[in-house]
C-alpha atoms as a PDB file:
ATOM      1  CA  MET A   1       0.000   0.000   0.000  1.00  0.00           C
ATOM      2  CA  ILE A   2       2.702   2.506   1.009  1.00  0.00           C
ATOM      3  CA  THR A   3       4.792   1.658  -2.053  1.00  0.00           C
ATOM      4  CA  LYS A   4       1.800   2.390  -4.302  1.00  0.00           C
ATOM      5  CA  VAL A   5       1.331   5.777  -2.641  1.00  0.00           C
ATOM      6  CA  LYS A   6       5.029   6.604  -3.057  1.00  0.00           C
ATOM      7  CA  GLU A   7       4.901   5.511  -6.698  1.00  0.00           C
ATOM      8  CA  PHE A   8       1.789   7.614  -7.281  1.00  0.00           C
ATOM      9  CA  LEU A   9       3.367  10.711  -5.703  1.00  0.00           C
ATOM     10  CA  ALA A  10       6.544  10.220  -7.754  1.00  0.00           C
ATOM     11  CA  GLU A  11       4.437  10.063 -10.928  1.00  0.00           C
ATOM     12  CA  VAL A  12       2.533  13.192  -9.899  1.00  0.00           C
ATOM     13  CA  LYS A  13       5.815  15.041  -9.340  1.00  0.00           C
ATOM     14  CA  ALA A  14       7.092  13.919 -12.744  1.00  0.00           C
ATOM     15  CA  GLU A  15       3.895  15.046 -14.493  1.00  0.00           C
ATOM     16  CA  LEU A  16       3.934  18.435 -12.753  1.00  0.00           C
ATOM     17  CA  GLY A  17       7.468  18.891 -14.045  1.00  0.00           C
ATOM     18  CA  LYS A  18       6.111  18.583 -17.599  1.00  0.00           C
ATOM     19  CA  VAL A  19       3.508  21.311 -17.124  1.00  0.00           C
ATOM     20  CA  THR A  20       4.088  24.613 -18.900  1.00  0.00           C
ATOM     21  CA  TRP A  21       2.995  27.197 -16.369  1.00  0.00           C
ATOM     22  CA  PRO A  22       1.733  30.587 -17.628  1.00  0.00           C
ATOM     23  CA  SER A  23       3.651  33.717 -16.800  1.00  0.00           C
ATOM     24  CA  ARG A  24       2.331  36.242 -14.297  1.00  0.00           C
ATOM     25  CA  LYS A  25       1.401  38.607 -17.140  1.00  0.00           C
ATOM     26  CA  GLU A  26      -0.545  35.867 -18.973  1.00  0.00           C
ATOM     27  CA  THR A  27      -2.345  34.874 -15.782  1.00  0.00           C
ATOM     28  CA  ILE A  28      -3.387  38.456 -15.010  1.00  0.00           C
ATOM     29  CA  SER A  29      -4.587  39.147 -18.550  1.00  0.00           C
ATOM     30  CA  THR A  30      -6.634  35.954 -18.788  1.00  0.00           C
ATOM     31  CA  THR A  31      -8.090  36.630 -15.343  1.00  0.00           C
ATOM     32  CA  TRP A  32      -9.319  40.044 -16.546  1.00  0.00           C
ATOM     33  CA  VAL A  33     -10.869  38.410 -19.612  1.00  0.00           C
ATOM     34  CA  VAL A  34     -12.737  35.958 -17.379  1.00  0.00           C
ATOM     35  CA  VAL A  35     -13.908  38.758 -15.048  1.00  0.00           C
ATOM     36  CA  ALA A  36     -15.172  40.802 -18.016  1.00  0.00           C
ATOM     37  CA  ILE A  37     -17.043  37.849 -19.525  1.00  0.00           C
ATOM     38  CA  VAL A  38     -18.626  36.975 -16.180  1.00  0.00           C
ATOM     39  CA  PHE A  39     -19.691  40.611 -15.760  1.00  0.00           C
ATOM     40  CA  LEU A  40     -21.248  40.754 -19.236  1.00  0.00           C
ATOM     41  CA  ILE A  41     -23.071  37.450 -18.784  1.00  0.00           C
ATOM     42  CA  SER A  42     -24.405  38.565 -15.396  1.00  0.00           C
ATOM     43  CA  ILE A  43     -25.751  41.792 -16.962  1.00  0.00           C
ATOM     44  CA  TYR A  44     -27.418  39.745 -19.730  1.00  0.00           C
ATOM     45  CA  LEU A  45     -28.962  37.238 -17.311  1.00  0.00           C
ATOM     46  CA  GLY A  46     -30.141  40.034 -15.010  1.00  0.00           C
ATOM     47  CA  ALA A  47     -31.851  41.745 -17.959  1.00  0.00           C
ATOM     48  CA  CYS A  48     -33.471  38.461 -18.994  1.00  0.00           C
ATOM     49  CA  ASP A  49     -34.704  37.976 -15.439  1.00  0.00           C
ATOM     50  CA  VAL A  50     -36.261  41.455 -15.328  1.00  0.00           C
ATOM     51  CA  VAL A  51     -37.957  41.004 -18.714  1.00  0.00           C
ATOM     52  CA  LEU A  52     -39.289  37.538 -17.895  1.00  0.00           C
ATOM     53  CA  ALA A  53     -40.537  38.717 -14.488  1.00  0.00           C
ATOM     54  CA  LYS A  54     -42.468  41.546 -16.172  1.00  0.00           C
ATOM     55  CA  VAL A  55     -43.899  39.140 -18.747  1.00  0.00           C
ATOM     56  CA  MET A  56     -45.018  36.757 -15.995  1.00  0.00           C
ATOM     57  CA  ARG A  57     -46.594  39.625 -14.018  1.00  0.00           C
ATOM     58  CA  PHE A  58     -48.432  40.696 -17.172  1.00  0.00           C
ATOM     59  CA  ILE A  59     -49.668  37.173 -17.891  1.00  0.00           C
ATOM     60  CA  LEU A  60     -50.616  36.336 -14.306  1.00  0.00           C
ATOM     61  CA  GLY A  61     -51.499  39.815 -13.121  1.00  0.00           C
END
């Protein structure tokens, strides 16, 4: 059991050594892209919610 765990951890370490990590600049720029997209989608979904709520009030009201 312990040998399997050691073997697994050694393989994990080897695989992490193969990873190409992004630079700080790349990480920051992609983070801003994600934040902007999330913001735009939240505005869109909020607008849809308001419109659908008004439609439901009109239908049921």
